[in-house]
Amino acid sequence: MDFQPTRDQRDLRAGVCELLAGRYGRDALRAAVDGGSAVDRELWRELGAAGFFALRLPEAEGGVGLGLPEAVLVFEEAGRALLPGPLVATHLAAGAVPGAAAGTAVVTAFDLGERGGPLVSYLAEADAVLGTAGLPPGEPVRSTDPLTPLHRVTGSGPADVSAYREAGALLTAALQVGSALRTLELAVRYAGEREQFGQPIGAFQAVKHLCAGMLVRAEVARTAVYAAAVTAQAADAADGQAADGQDADGEAAEAAEVAGEIAAAKLLADEAAVRNARDCLQVHGGMGFTWEADVHLHLKRAWVRAEQWVTAAEAEEALAAELSRTATGGEAR
């Protein structure tokens, strides 16, 4: 099996990268932070027109007709740009919520905390909440990330989003990978520019080790996300065919394998995003603690994403269950 992106996949990623570089560069990011504008409706519609939200929707339904391997590539670029908004929920809502695929509607979800708690991000900016009819009432609560406003929903319980949980976790992991790669770039660039004792600080072994560790974490997480996307896509394709010869145990084992790979990918991506942001801050030294530096924005967003769709505790339990299953001879194939 070839895990290298195809030419079409590379072109897709480059197109999204170019769009975001032109529409959501650093100046736009800082303007959003200073102005408190979490969702740019115009940019949201541009993403919709580019097929960002309808990427996995079948062509017969007006979508692009691609799969998870392509989706994780474009979400990685969104994570690198630190693009705010309920990107994952709106993507998952394509075809289910009117306007989501085209980017004319902003859709959020009960995706925070274990099994979806009462906290909802971007509720005030949203047109719909995935799995619910209408917008539930909510009270604003303080958020760690200035571009991820939170509300505590009152008067109703969280909607069941279990059908979207695995795909949501994988796409969120892709966002985390993009952030981890970006903080690696920021650290390496600063280490080459900042001089101390007559030479760039990147020449010192301690800084080299920090940057090397960041690279390893980011690449391991990216590999895990790509592999989980390919595995999940293959499982979806197999489910879409008439597999009369596969028994219920085989289907359950295959589903458990996919869940285990996605859990591992989310766990690794969350760690890479958080630890890379911390190490990037360390490389920047005192400058990294200032509001003017972008490092803290990546760290705060990584903390929030680590609580979305699948938490570390849930991922560890799912991965442990899959390892236990395979150890006792219950492999799907």
C-alpha atoms as a PDB file:
ATOM      1  CA  MET A   1       0.000   0.000   0.000  1.00  0.00           C
ATOM      2  CA  ASP A   2       1.341   3.426  -0.994  1.00  0.00           C
ATOM      3  CA  PHE A   3       0.925   6.072   1.692  1.00  0.00           C
ATOM      4  CA  GLN A   4       2.483   8.864  -0.383  1.00  0.00           C
ATOM      5  CA  PRO A   5      -0.029  11.532  -1.482  1.00  0.00           C
ATOM      6  CA  THR A   6      -0.966  11.358  -5.139  1.00  0.00           C
ATOM      7  CA  ARG A   7      -0.494  14.274  -7.517  1.00  0.00           C
ATOM      8  CA  ASP A   8      -4.169  15.171  -7.199  1.00  0.00           C
ATOM      9  CA  GLN A   9      -3.945  15.101  -3.409  1.00  0.00           C
ATOM     10  CA  ARG A  10      -0.869  17.316  -3.426  1.00  0.00           C
ATOM     11  CA  ASP A  11      -2.622  19.766  -5.753  1.00  0.00           C
ATOM     12  CA  LEU A  12      -5.669  19.789  -3.460  1.00  0.00           C
ATOM     13  CA  ARG A  13      -3.546  20.577  -0.433  1.00  0.00           C
ATOM     14  CA  ALA A  14      -1.642  23.275  -2.326  1.00  0.00           C
ATOM     15  CA  GLY A  15      -4.907  24.887  -3.415  1.00  0.00           C
ATOM     16  CA  VAL A  16      -6.234  25.074   0.142  1.00  0.00           C
ATOM     17  CA  CYS A  17      -2.857  26.352   1.371  1.00  0.00           C
ATOM     18  CA  GLU A  18      -2.911  29.097  -1.253  1.00  0.00           C
ATOM     19  CA  LEU A  19      -6.494  30.065  -0.393  1.00  0.00           C
ATOM     20  CA  LEU A  20      -5.755  30.318   3.316  1.00  0.00           C
ATOM     21  CA  ALA A  21      -2.472  32.159   2.773  1.00  0.00           C
ATOM     22  CA  GLY A  22      -4.296  34.776   0.747  1.00  0.00           C
ATOM     23  CA  ARG A  23      -7.377  35.067   2.964  1.00  0.00           C
ATOM     24  CA  TYR A  24      -6.198  34.172   6.445  1.00  0.00           C
ATOM     25  CA  GLY A  25      -2.579  35.098   6.892  1.00  0.00           C
ATOM     26  CA  ARG A  26      -1.016  36.361  10.091  1.00  0.00           C
ATOM     27  CA  ASP A  27      -2.511  39.856   9.749  1.00  0.00           C
ATOM     28  CA  ALA A  28      -6.017  38.399   9.485  1.00  0.00           C
ATOM     29  CA  LEU A  29      -5.354  36.104  12.446  1.00  0.00           C
ATOM     30  CA  ARG A  30      -4.195  38.955  14.650  1.00  0.00           C
ATOM     31  CA  ALA A  31      -7.084  41.152  13.510  1.00  0.00           C
ATOM     32  CA  ALA A  32      -9.508  38.401  14.484  1.00  0.00           C
ATOM     33  CA  VAL A  33      -7.868  38.067  17.906  1.00  0.00           C
ATOM     34  CA  ASP A  34      -7.902  41.812  18.530  1.00  0.00           C
ATOM     35  CA  GLY A  35     -11.432  42.257  17.207  1.00  0.00           C
ATOM     36  CA  GLY A  36     -12.917  39.145  18.801  1.00  0.00           C
ATOM     37  CA  SER A  37     -14.328  37.926  15.479  1.00  0.00           C
ATOM     38  CA  ALA A  38     -14.230  34.131  15.632  1.00  0.00           C
ATOM     39  CA  VAL A  39     -16.007  33.286  12.366  1.00  0.00           C
ATOM     40  CA  ASP A  40     -15.505  35.175   9.110  1.00  0.00           C
ATOM     41  CA  ARG A  41     -18.729  34.493   7.195  1.00  0.00           C
ATOM     42  CA  GLU A  42     -17.263  35.619   3.887  1.00  0.00           C
ATOM     43  CA  LEU A  43     -14.284  33.288   4.262  1.00  0.00           C
ATOM     44  CA  TRP A  44     -16.668  30.527   5.358  1.00  0.00           C
ATOM     45  CA  ARG A  45     -18.567  30.896   2.075  1.00  0.00           C
ATOM     46  CA  GLU A  46     -15.286  30.900   0.132  1.00  0.00           C
ATOM     47  CA  LEU A  47     -14.309  27.649   1.811  1.00  0.00           C
ATOM     48  CA  GLY A  48     -17.693  26.240   0.876  1.00  0.00           C
ATOM     49  CA  ALA A  49     -17.251  27.319  -2.749  1.00  0.00           C
ATOM     50  CA  ALA A  50     -13.836  25.651  -2.779  1.00  0.00           C
ATOM     51  CA  GLY A  51     -15.411  22.363  -1.654  1.00  0.00           C
ATOM     52  CA  PHE A  52     -13.879  22.337   1.831  1.00  0.00           C
ATOM     53  CA  PHE A  53     -17.093  21.305   3.574  1.00  0.00           C
ATOM     54  CA  ALA A  54     -18.535  19.164   0.755  1.00  0.00           C
ATOM     55  CA  LEU A  55     -15.287  17.319   0.160  1.00  0.00           C
ATOM     56  CA  ARG A  56     -16.631  13.910   1.238  1.00  0.00           C
ATOM     57  CA  LEU A  57     -20.188  14.448   0.064  1.00  0.00           C
ATOM     58  CA  PRO A  58     -21.026  12.249  -2.972  1.00  0.00           C
ATOM     59  CA  GLU A  59     -21.010  13.985  -6.335  1.00  0.00           C
ATOM     60  CA  ALA A  60     -24.626  12.932  -6.846  1.00  0.00           C
ATOM     61  CA  GLU A  61     -25.508  15.089  -3.833  1.00  0.00           C
ATOM     62  CA  GLY A  62     -23.526  18.082  -5.040  1.00  0.00           C
ATOM     63  CA  GLY A  63     -20.280  17.255  -3.258  1.00  0.00           C
ATOM     64  CA  VAL A  64     -16.728  16.625  -4.402  1.00  0.00           C
ATOM     65  CA  GLY A  65     -16.888  12.862  -3.845  1.00  0.00           C
ATOM     66  CA  LEU A  66     -13.500  12.399  -2.171  1.00  0.00           C
ATOM     67  CA  GLY A  67     -12.676  10.601   1.072  1.00  0.00           C
ATOM     68  CA  LEU A  68     -11.006  10.861   4.452  1.00  0.00           C
ATOM     69  CA  PRO A  69      -7.430  10.727   3.065  1.00  0.00           C
ATOM     70  CA  GLU A  70      -8.114  13.939   1.143  1.00  0.00           C
ATOM     71  CA  ALA A  71     -10.037  15.510   4.022  1.00  0.00           C
ATOM     72  CA  VAL A  72      -7.174  15.139   6.498  1.00  0.00           C
ATOM     73  CA  LEU A  73      -4.837  16.888   4.050  1.00  0.00           C
ATOM     74  CA  VAL A  74      -6.989  20.010   3.801  1.00  0.00           C
ATOM     75  CA  PHE A  75      -7.740  20.042   7.541  1.00  0.00           C
ATOM     76  CA  GLU A  76      -4.017  19.841   8.210  1.00  0.00           C
ATOM     77  CA  GLU A  77      -3.597  23.079   6.245  1.00  0.00           C
ATOM     78  CA  ALA A  78      -6.442  24.698   8.187  1.00  0.00           C
ATOM     79  CA  GLY A  79      -4.707  23.704  11.417  1.00  0.00           C
ATOM     80  CA  ARG A  80      -1.430  25.142  10.179  1.00  0.00           C
ATOM     81  CA  ALA A  81      -3.182  28.478   9.502  1.00  0.00           C
ATOM     82  CA  LEU A  82      -4.900  28.319  12.917  1.00  0.00           C
ATOM     83  CA  LEU A  83      -8.205  28.952  11.164  1.00  0.00           C
ATOM     84  CA  PRO A  84     -10.967  29.341  13.778  1.00  0.00           C
ATOM     85  CA  GLY A  85     -14.573  28.202  13.606  1.00  0.00           C
ATOM     86  CA  PRO A  86     -16.429  24.879  13.841  1.00  0.00           C
ATOM     87  CA  LEU A  87     -14.731  23.499  10.736  1.00  0.00           C
ATOM     88  CA  VAL A  88     -15.132  19.851  11.656  1.00  0.00           C
ATOM     89  CA  ALA A  89     -18.800  20.080  12.665  1.00  0.00           C
ATOM     90  CA  THR A  90     -19.749  22.006   9.517  1.00  0.00           C
ATOM     91  CA  HIS A  91     -17.864  19.492   7.371  1.00  0.00           C
ATOM     92  CA  LEU A  92     -19.661  16.599   9.063  1.00  0.00           C
ATOM     93  CA  ALA A  93     -22.999  18.374   8.642  1.00  0.00           C
ATOM     94  CA  ALA A  94     -22.635  18.622   4.840  1.00  0.00           C
ATOM     95  CA  GLY A  95     -25.663  16.925   3.327  1.00  0.00           C
ATOM     96  CA  ALA A  96     -27.479  16.810   6.662  1.00  0.00           C
ATOM     97  CA  VAL A  97     -27.871  20.511   7.461  1.00  0.00           C
ATOM     98  CA  PRO A  98     -28.982  22.881   4.679  1.00  0.00           C
ATOM     99  CA  GLY A  99     -26.227  25.318   3.733  1.00  0.00           C
ATOM    100  CA  ALA A 100     -23.417  23.455   5.489  1.00  0.00           C
ATOM    101  CA  ALA A 101     -21.889  22.056   2.294  1.00  0.00           C
ATOM    102  CA  ALA A 102     -21.916  25.448   0.577  1.00  0.00           C
ATOM    103  CA  GLY A 103     -20.558  27.281   3.602  1.00  0.00           C
ATOM    104  CA  THR A 104     -23.658  29.470   3.893  1.00  0.00           C
ATOM    105  CA  ALA A 105     -24.434  27.919   7.279  1.00  0.00           C
ATOM    106  CA  VAL A 106     -22.161  27.586  10.282  1.00  0.00           C
ATOM    107  CA  VAL A 107     -22.765  24.365  12.199  1.00  0.00           C
ATOM    108  CA  THR A 108     -21.337  23.487  15.592  1.00  0.00           C
ATOM    109  CA  ALA A 109     -21.686  20.342  17.723  1.00  0.00           C
ATOM    110  CA  PHE A 110     -21.648  18.891  21.229  1.00  0.00           C
ATOM    111  CA  ASP A 111     -18.046  17.749  20.812  1.00  0.00           C
ATOM    112  CA  LEU A 112     -16.361  18.927  24.015  1.00  0.00           C
ATOM    113  CA  GLY A 113     -15.568  16.644  26.921  1.00  0.00           C
ATOM    114  CA  GLU A 114     -16.077  12.939  27.330  1.00  0.00           C
ATOM    115  CA  ARG A 115     -19.083  11.776  25.280  1.00  0.00           C
ATOM    116  CA  GLY A 116     -20.104  15.363  24.613  1.00  0.00           C
ATOM    117  CA  GLY A 117     -20.738  17.578  27.596  1.00  0.00           C
ATOM    118  CA  PRO A 118     -22.922  20.674  27.956  1.00  0.00           C
ATOM    119  CA  LEU A 119     -20.233  22.973  26.512  1.00  0.00           C
ATOM    120  CA  VAL A 120     -20.616  24.070  22.892  1.00  0.00           C
ATOM    121  CA  SER A 121     -18.147  26.165  20.931  1.00  0.00           C
ATOM    122  CA  TYR A 122     -19.223  28.968  18.571  1.00  0.00           C
ATOM    123  CA  LEU A 123     -22.871  28.729  19.653  1.00  0.00           C
ATOM    124  CA  ALA A 124     -23.439  32.457  19.189  1.00  0.00           C
ATOM    125  CA  GLU A 125     -21.965  32.325  15.674  1.00  0.00           C
ATOM    126  CA  ALA A 126     -23.733  29.115  14.612  1.00  0.00           C
ATOM    127  CA  ASP A 127     -26.862  28.618  12.542  1.00  0.00           C
ATOM    128  CA  ALA A 128     -27.370  25.047  13.743  1.00  0.00           C
ATOM    129  CA  VAL A 129     -26.051  22.441  16.166  1.00  0.00           C
ATOM    130  CA  LEU A 130     -25.352  19.034  14.692  1.00  0.00           C
ATOM    131  CA  GLY A 131     -28.014  16.514  15.716  1.00  0.00           C
ATOM    132  CA  THR A 132     -30.439  19.040  17.199  1.00  0.00           C
ATOM    133  CA  ALA A 133     -33.424  20.964  15.910  1.00  0.00           C
ATOM    134  CA  GLY A 134     -32.774  24.652  16.341  1.00  0.00           C
ATOM    135  CA  LEU A 135     -30.247  26.408  18.527  1.00  0.00           C
ATOM    136  CA  PRO A 136     -30.411  25.575  22.256  1.00  0.00           C
ATOM    137  CA  PRO A 137     -30.038  28.391  24.785  1.00  0.00           C
ATOM    138  CA  GLY A 138     -26.666  28.812  26.390  1.00  0.00           C
ATOM    139  CA  GLU A 139     -24.674  30.952  28.782  1.00  0.00           C
ATOM    140  CA  PRO A 140     -21.224  32.217  27.734  1.00  0.00           C
ATOM    141  CA  VAL A 141     -18.283  30.875  29.722  1.00  0.00           C
ATOM    142  CA  ARG A 142     -14.664  31.905  29.695  1.00  0.00           C
ATOM    143  CA  SER A 143     -12.568  30.143  27.064  1.00  0.00           C
ATOM    144  CA  THR A 144      -8.844  29.498  27.090  1.00  0.00           C
ATOM    145  CA  ASP A 145      -8.644  30.273  23.380  1.00  0.00           C
ATOM    146  CA  PRO A 146      -9.660  33.817  22.398  1.00  0.00           C
ATOM    147  CA  LEU A 147     -10.952  32.523  19.047  1.00  0.00           C
ATOM    148  CA  THR A 148     -12.978  29.605  20.443  1.00  0.00           C
ATOM    149  CA  PRO A 149     -15.914  31.152  22.342  1.00  0.00           C
ATOM    150  CA  LEU A 150     -17.738  28.690  24.578  1.00  0.00           C
ATOM    151  CA  HIS A 151     -21.298  28.447  25.852  1.00  0.00           C
ATOM    152  CA  ARG A 152     -22.786  26.185  28.491  1.00  0.00           C
ATOM    153  CA  VAL A 153     -26.067  24.885  27.104  1.00  0.00           C
ATOM    154  CA  THR A 154     -28.999  25.102  29.475  1.00  0.00           C
ATOM    155  CA  GLY A 155     -32.425  23.526  29.411  1.00  0.00           C
ATOM    156  CA  SER A 156     -31.549  20.515  27.249  1.00  0.00           C
ATOM    157  CA  GLY A 157     -29.122  17.627  27.215  1.00  0.00           C
ATOM    158  CA  PRO A 158     -26.356  17.203  24.642  1.00  0.00           C
ATOM    159  CA  ALA A 159     -27.285  15.722  21.267  1.00  0.00           C
ATOM    160  CA  ASP A 160     -26.094  12.254  20.306  1.00  0.00           C
ATOM    161  CA  VAL A 161     -23.167  12.697  17.897  1.00  0.00           C
ATOM    162  CA  SER A 162     -21.773   9.174  18.233  1.00  0.00           C
ATOM    163  CA  ALA A 163     -22.257   8.553  14.496  1.00  0.00           C
ATOM    164  CA  TYR A 164     -19.848  11.398  13.766  1.00  0.00           C
ATOM    165  CA  ARG A 165     -17.381  10.820  16.602  1.00  0.00           C
ATOM    166  CA  GLU A 166     -14.675   8.855  14.791  1.00  0.00           C
ATOM    167  CA  ALA A 167     -14.572  11.073  11.708  1.00  0.00           C
ATOM    168  CA  GLY A 168     -14.708  14.146  13.941  1.00  0.00           C
ATOM    169  CA  ALA A 169     -11.802  12.891  16.025  1.00  0.00           C
ATOM    170  CA  LEU A 170      -9.695  12.135  12.952  1.00  0.00           C
ATOM    171  CA  LEU A 171     -10.315  15.519  11.336  1.00  0.00           C
ATOM    172  CA  THR A 172      -9.558  17.267  14.628  1.00  0.00           C
ATOM    173  CA  ALA A 173      -6.338  15.248  14.814  1.00  0.00           C
ATOM    174  CA  ALA A 174      -5.449  16.573  11.362  1.00  0.00           C
ATOM    175  CA  LEU A 175      -5.974  20.135  12.637  1.00  0.00           C
ATOM    176  CA  GLN A 176      -3.650  19.348  15.539  1.00  0.00           C
ATOM    177  CA  VAL A 177      -0.993  17.979  13.185  1.00  0.00           C
ATOM    178  CA  GLY A 178      -1.117  21.181  11.142  1.00  0.00           C
ATOM    179  CA  SER A 179      -0.641  23.251  14.293  1.00  0.00           C
ATOM    180  CA  ALA A 180       2.258  21.039  15.430  1.00  0.00           C
ATOM    181  CA  LEU A 181       3.983  21.487  12.079  1.00  0.00           C
ATOM    182  CA  ARG A 182       3.451  25.244  12.184  1.00  0.00           C
ATOM    183  CA  THR A 183       4.944  25.657  15.661  1.00  0.00           C
ATOM    184  CA  LEU A 184       7.899  23.570  14.501  1.00  0.00           C
ATOM    185  CA  GLU A 185       8.388  26.011  11.619  1.00  0.00           C
ATOM    186  CA  LEU A 186       8.117  28.998  13.967  1.00  0.00           C
ATOM    187  CA  ALA A 187      10.667  27.509  16.367  1.00  0.00           C
ATOM    188  CA  VAL A 188      13.196  26.654  13.657  1.00  0.00           C
ATOM    189  CA  ARG A 189      12.861  30.075  12.038  1.00  0.00           C
ATOM    190  CA  TYR A 190      13.305  31.908  15.349  1.00  0.00           C
ATOM    191  CA  ALA A 191      16.260  29.701  16.301  1.00  0.00           C
ATOM    192  CA  GLY A 192      17.954  30.714  13.059  1.00  0.00           C
ATOM    193  CA  GLU A 193      17.258  34.423  13.499  1.00  0.00           C
ATOM    194  CA  ARG A 194      17.825  35.018  17.221  1.00  0.00           C
ATOM    195  CA  GLU A 195      21.486  35.404  18.119  1.00  0.00           C
ATOM    196  CA  GLN A 196      23.183  34.959  21.469  1.00  0.00           C
ATOM    197  CA  PHE A 197      26.898  34.937  22.239  1.00  0.00           C
ATOM    198  CA  GLY A 198      27.636  35.832  18.642  1.00  0.00           C
ATOM    199  CA  GLN A 199      25.774  33.001  16.942  1.00  0.00           C
ATOM    200  CA  PRO A 200      22.183  31.850  16.237  1.00  0.00           C
ATOM    201  CA  ILE A 201      20.637  30.081  19.208  1.00  0.00           C
ATOM    202  CA  GLY A 202      19.882  27.177  16.861  1.00  0.00           C
ATOM    203  CA  ALA A 203      23.571  26.313  17.019  1.00  0.00           C
ATOM    204  CA  PHE A 204      23.246  25.318  20.673  1.00  0.00           C
ATOM    205  CA  GLN A 205      22.651  21.652  21.369  1.00  0.00           C
ATOM    206  CA  ALA A 206      19.784  22.224  23.808  1.00  0.00           C
ATOM    207  CA  VAL A 207      17.814  24.142  21.163  1.00  0.00           C
ATOM    208  CA  LYS A 208      18.654  21.552  18.501  1.00  0.00           C
ATOM    209  CA  HIS A 209      17.248  18.808  20.728  1.00  0.00           C
ATOM    210  CA  LEU A 210      14.033  20.749  21.293  1.00  0.00           C
ATOM    211  CA  CYS A 211      13.500  21.272  17.564  1.00  0.00           C
ATOM    212  CA  ALA A 212      14.416  17.661  16.740  1.00  0.00           C
ATOM    213  CA  GLY A 213      11.891  16.403  19.275  1.00  0.00           C
ATOM    214  CA  MET A 214       9.242  18.655  17.758  1.00  0.00           C
ATOM    215  CA  LEU A 215       9.927  17.261  14.302  1.00  0.00           C
ATOM    216  CA  VAL A 216       9.694  13.655  15.484  1.00  0.00           C
ATOM    217  CA  ARG A 217       6.401  14.237  17.313  1.00  0.00           C
ATOM    218  CA  ALA A 218       4.834  16.055  14.373  1.00  0.00           C
ATOM    219  CA  GLU A 219       5.878  13.489  11.770  1.00  0.00           C
ATOM    220  CA  VAL A 220       4.847  10.496  13.892  1.00  0.00           C
ATOM    221  CA  ALA A 221       1.447  12.082  14.509  1.00  0.00           C
ATOM    222  CA  ARG A 222       1.033  12.956  10.830  1.00  0.00           C
ATOM    223  CA  THR A 223       1.863   9.389   9.803  1.00  0.00           C
ATOM    224  CA  ALA A 224      -0.678   8.026  12.299  1.00  0.00           C
ATOM    225  CA  VAL A 225      -3.390  10.395  11.008  1.00  0.00           C
ATOM    226  CA  TYR A 226      -2.715   9.500   7.381  1.00  0.00           C
ATOM    227  CA  ALA A 227      -2.707   5.769   8.138  1.00  0.00           C
ATOM    228  CA  ALA A 228      -5.941   5.984  10.121  1.00  0.00           C
ATOM    229  CA  ALA A 229      -7.585   7.896   7.261  1.00  0.00           C
ATOM    230  CA  VAL A 230      -6.562   5.252   4.717  1.00  0.00           C
ATOM    231  CA  THR A 231      -7.739   2.428   6.994  1.00  0.00           C
ATOM    232  CA  ALA A 232     -11.078   4.110   7.713  1.00  0.00           C
ATOM    233  CA  GLN A 233     -11.625   4.849   4.029  1.00  0.00           C
ATOM    234  CA  ALA A 234     -10.919   1.222   3.085  1.00  0.00           C
ATOM    235  CA  ALA A 235     -13.345   0.032   5.766  1.00  0.00           C
ATOM    236  CA  ASP A 236     -16.030   2.413   4.464  1.00  0.00           C
ATOM    237  CA  ALA A 237     -15.500   1.144   0.926  1.00  0.00           C
ATOM    238  CA  ALA A 238     -15.803  -2.453   2.092  1.00  0.00           C
ATOM    239  CA  ASP A 239     -19.005  -1.636   3.982  1.00  0.00           C
ATOM    240  CA  GLY A 240     -20.431  -0.073   0.841  1.00  0.00           C
ATOM    241  CA  GLN A 241     -20.014  -3.289  -1.101  1.00  0.00           C
ATOM    242  CA  ALA A 242     -22.107  -6.440  -0.784  1.00  0.00           C
ATOM    243  CA  ALA A 243     -19.921  -8.332   1.662  1.00  0.00           C
ATOM    244  CA  ASP A 244     -22.179 -11.319   2.241  1.00  0.00           C
ATOM    245  CA  GLY A 245     -19.256 -13.495   3.259  1.00  0.00           C
ATOM    246  CA  GLN A 246     -18.273 -11.364   6.238  1.00  0.00           C
ATOM    247  CA  ASP A 247     -19.868 -12.364   9.524  1.00  0.00           C
ATOM    248  CA  ALA A 248     -20.865 -10.060  12.358  1.00  0.00           C
ATOM    249  CA  ASP A 249     -17.698 -10.848  14.307  1.00  0.00           C
ATOM    250  CA  GLY A 250     -15.575  -9.850  11.341  1.00  0.00           C
ATOM    251  CA  GLU A 251     -17.409  -6.564  10.940  1.00  0.00           C
ATOM    252  CA  ALA A 252     -17.073  -5.821  14.643  1.00  0.00           C
ATOM    253  CA  ALA A 253     -13.358  -6.598  14.570  1.00  0.00           C
ATOM    254  CA  GLU A 254     -12.839  -4.321  11.579  1.00  0.00           C
ATOM    255  CA  ALA A 255     -14.748  -1.509  13.284  1.00  0.00           C
ATOM    256  CA  ALA A 256     -12.647  -1.985  16.418  1.00  0.00           C
ATOM    257  CA  GLU A 257      -9.466  -1.798  14.364  1.00  0.00           C
ATOM    258  CA  VAL A 258     -10.531   1.477  12.765  1.00  0.00           C
ATOM    259  CA  ALA A 259     -11.556   2.908  16.142  1.00  0.00           C
ATOM    260  CA  GLY A 260      -8.193   1.915  17.601  1.00  0.00           C
ATOM    261  CA  GLU A 261      -6.233   3.559  14.799  1.00  0.00           C
ATOM    262  CA  ILE A 262      -8.246   6.769  15.034  1.00  0.00           C
ATOM    263  CA  ALA A 263      -7.841   6.831  18.819  1.00  0.00           C
ATOM    264  CA  ALA A 264      -4.077   6.414  18.455  1.00  0.00           C
ATOM    265  CA  ALA A 265      -3.941   9.157  15.831  1.00  0.00           C
ATOM    266  CA  LYS A 266      -5.902  11.583  18.019  1.00  0.00           C
ATOM    267  CA  LEU A 267      -3.750  10.783  21.038  1.00  0.00           C
ATOM    268  CA  LEU A 268      -0.494  11.351  19.138  1.00  0.00           C
ATOM    269  CA  ALA A 269      -1.764  14.477  17.389  1.00  0.00           C
ATOM    270  CA  ASP A 270      -2.982  16.066  20.628  1.00  0.00           C
ATOM    271  CA  GLU A 271       0.382  15.396  22.261  1.00  0.00           C
ATOM    272  CA  ALA A 272       2.279  16.766  19.261  1.00  0.00           C
ATOM    273  CA  ALA A 273       0.224  19.959  19.120  1.00  0.00           C
ATOM    274  CA  VAL A 274       0.429  20.714  22.831  1.00  0.00           C
ATOM    275  CA  ARG A 275       4.058  19.737  23.403  1.00  0.00           C
ATOM    276  CA  ASN A 276       5.287  21.368  20.219  1.00  0.00           C
ATOM    277  CA  ALA A 277       3.605  24.630  21.183  1.00  0.00           C
ATOM    278  CA  ARG A 278       5.222  24.433  24.597  1.00  0.00           C
ATOM    279  CA  ASP A 279       8.651  23.714  23.129  1.00  0.00           C
ATOM    280  CA  CYS A 280       8.185  26.481  20.567  1.00  0.00           C
ATOM    281  CA  LEU A 281       7.477  28.827  23.446  1.00  0.00           C
ATOM    282  CA  GLN A 282      10.639  27.596  25.144  1.00  0.00           C
ATOM    283  CA  VAL A 283      12.724  28.268  22.034  1.00  0.00           C
ATOM    284  CA  HIS A 284      11.302  31.800  21.847  1.00  0.00           C
ATOM    285  CA  GLY A 285      12.217  32.405  25.495  1.00  0.00           C
ATOM    286  CA  GLY A 286      10.706  35.496  27.077  1.00  0.00           C
ATOM    287  CA  MET A 287       9.417  36.658  23.703  1.00  0.00           C
ATOM    288  CA  GLY A 288       7.220  33.575  23.489  1.00  0.00           C
ATOM    289  CA  PHE A 289       5.242  34.645  26.554  1.00  0.00           C
ATOM    290  CA  THR A 290       4.176  37.950  25.044  1.00  0.00           C
ATOM    291  CA  TRP A 291       0.759  38.630  23.517  1.00  0.00           C
ATOM    292  CA  GLU A 292       2.391  39.757  20.269  1.00  0.00           C
ATOM    293  CA  ALA A 293       3.854  36.298  19.576  1.00  0.00           C
ATOM    294  CA  ASP A 294       1.556  33.723  17.973  1.00  0.00           C
ATOM    295  CA  VAL A 295       2.868  30.781  19.994  1.00  0.00           C
ATOM    296  CA  HIS A 296       0.327  31.107  22.803  1.00  0.00           C
ATOM    297  CA  LEU A 297      -2.524  31.017  20.283  1.00  0.00           C
ATOM    298  CA  HIS A 298      -1.412  27.613  19.024  1.00  0.00           C
ATOM    299  CA  LEU A 299      -1.047  26.304  22.570  1.00  0.00           C
ATOM    300  CA  LYS A 300      -4.491  27.510  23.645  1.00  0.00           C
ATOM    301  CA  ARG A 301      -6.164  26.112  20.527  1.00  0.00           C
ATOM    302  CA  ALA A 302      -4.369  22.784  21.026  1.00  0.00           C
ATOM    303  CA  TRP A 303      -5.680  22.572  24.589  1.00  0.00           C
ATOM    304  CA  VAL A 304      -9.253  23.078  23.371  1.00  0.00           C
ATOM    305  CA  ARG A 305      -8.970  20.610  20.473  1.00  0.00           C
ATOM    306  CA  ALA A 306      -7.567  17.977  22.810  1.00  0.00           C
ATOM    307  CA  GLU A 307     -10.986  17.959  24.502  1.00  0.00           C
ATOM    308  CA  GLN A 308     -12.979  17.681  21.273  1.00  0.00           C
ATOM    309  CA  TRP A 309     -14.651  14.525  19.934  1.00  0.00           C
ATOM    310  CA  VAL A 310     -12.310  12.073  21.702  1.00  0.00           C
ATOM    311  CA  THR A 311     -10.421  13.030  24.851  1.00  0.00           C
ATOM    312  CA  ALA A 312      -7.097  11.541  25.883  1.00  0.00           C
ATOM    313  CA  ALA A 313      -8.810   9.279  28.435  1.00  0.00           C
ATOM    314  CA  GLU A 314     -11.271   7.988  25.832  1.00  0.00           C
ATOM    315  CA  ALA A 315      -8.520   7.462  23.272  1.00  0.00           C
ATOM    316  CA  GLU A 316      -6.405   5.536  25.752  1.00  0.00           C
ATOM    317  CA  GLU A 317      -9.354   3.279  26.637  1.00  0.00           C
ATOM    318  CA  ALA A 318     -10.172   2.624  22.964  1.00  0.00           C
ATOM    319  CA  LEU A 319      -6.551   1.882  22.129  1.00  0.00           C
ATOM    320  CA  ALA A 320      -6.183  -0.410  25.134  1.00  0.00           C
ATOM    321  CA  ALA A 321      -9.323  -2.310  24.106  1.00  0.00           C
ATOM    322  CA  GLU A 322      -8.010  -2.791  20.572  1.00  0.00           C
ATOM    323  CA  LEU A 323      -4.593  -3.964  21.813  1.00  0.00           C
ATOM    324  CA  SER A 324      -6.307  -6.385  24.195  1.00  0.00           C
ATOM    325  CA  ARG A 325      -8.493  -7.714  21.403  1.00  0.00           C
ATOM    326  CA  THR A 326      -5.580  -8.379  19.065  1.00  0.00           C
ATOM    327  CA  ALA A 327      -3.493  -9.886  21.865  1.00  0.00           C
ATOM    328  CA  THR A 328      -6.180 -12.469  22.536  1.00  0.00           C
ATOM    329  CA  GLY A 329      -6.389 -13.517  18.920  1.00  0.00           C
ATOM    330  CA  GLY A 330      -9.434 -11.520  17.913  1.00  0.00           C
ATOM    331  CA  GLU A 331      -7.898  -9.868  14.848  1.00  0.00           C
ATOM    332  CA  ALA A 332     -10.207  -9.057  11.984  1.00  0.00           C
ATOM    333  CA  ARG A 333      -7.802 -10.556   9.476  1.00  0.00           C
END
